[in-house]
Amino acid sequence: MGSAIISIRNLGKRYRLGAGLGHDTLRDHLTHAARSLASSFRRNGAAAGADNAEQLTEIWALKEVSSDVHQGEVVGIIGRNGAGKSTLLKILSQITEPTEGEIRIRGRVSSLLEVGTGFHPELTGRENVFLNGAILGMTRQEIKRKFDEIVAFAEVEKFLDTPVKRYSSGMYVRLAFAVAAHLEPEILLVDEVLAVGDAAFQAKSLAKMGDVALRQGRTVVFVSHNLTAVQRLCGKGIYLEQGRIKESGSITKVLDAYQRSFERAALSLDSNHVKPGEARFVGWELVDNSVEEKHSCHTRGVAVFVLTLISRLELTDAIIGLALWNLQGIWFWPATVWTTVNRMFMFQRGN
């Protein structure tokens, strides 16, 4: 594969909580200056150095992150809340600067990180389309060529000449995504913002991102908690945990690592509630599976589970509670079964 269109090397982002809050944007700098000026009127010269003694807390939102993204790849970034996903996209979008490390980006970047990113609330939808295009470096002629396609995709024809401050959040995100996806950026960065739209629009947006990557050869970096969408759309994944890369590579491998982290957490939680002498669930796996991985099922047929329990007492009967979650973390198959230990049972989904 050729040279990377996005190259990330030893990237780190540190935030200081309390008085040491970092100032990344012009607004941050102005706010800090105003607060400092106000504070100077409230304290005497003898107390001027008091703030210097205040204890500061540092948090590394990202630490030692390195990765390459190549042209035409669709990369899904996953992880729990606070893992650093959105921070990484903000750095790639050049909204905020890294504390350490470097990034190199070749090509025009379009980003959609929150509802109405780059929109001016007082301008109409029509005006904001041209404003966003200009920010992305598009000529007026290029924007006009794509304008009708953008409006049709966003489904806001009736409100095109209405100030966007009167738009609902769904209308906002539809128009913002339509602009970001249709103005032919080399790189498209999308955060969880698509969750604002309805199911039909989410499906259309995911299809558009796939089209941007597969047919147009452009690069998409997608942050989402919708693991089903990530699995369907992405070929490569990055799993962040506490600001560091826990796993990267094929999306199947990354999603499996992410799923195992929940399993470990569940087993740890169960262990903390076990009293001496009681039975304890210690593991599970699938047998007669079509894939080598013990904890993934890719079949629509019968799946056989083996549950492993240990106990210091002899068990004659046991109550086994079974619940299944899908990749989105939705509990969709609860069941409680009374059975006898060391016998085989087939579980069937109830109504």
Foldseek 3Di string as FASTA:
>chain_A
DDAFQKWWFFFWAKAKPDPRGDQFDPVSVVVNVVVVVVVVVVDDPVCVCVVVPDDIDMAILAGGATDGHHWLFEEEEEEDPSLNPLVVVCCVVVVGDTPDTDMHHHWFEFEDRAFQVQADQQFFQQVSLQSSLVVSVHDPVLSVVCVVVLCVQLVCVVRRRPRCNPPDSQSRRSNSLSSRLRSDTLEYEYEQRLVVHDPVSSVVSLVSVQCCRPVVRGYYYYYHLQLVSCLVRGQWYFYGGSNYTPDIDGSVVNLVVVVVVVVVVVQVVQVVPDDAQDKHWDDKFWPPAPDPDGNDHDDPDAIAMDTDMDGPDDFFWDKDWDWDADSSRDTDATDIDTDTPPDGDGDDGDD
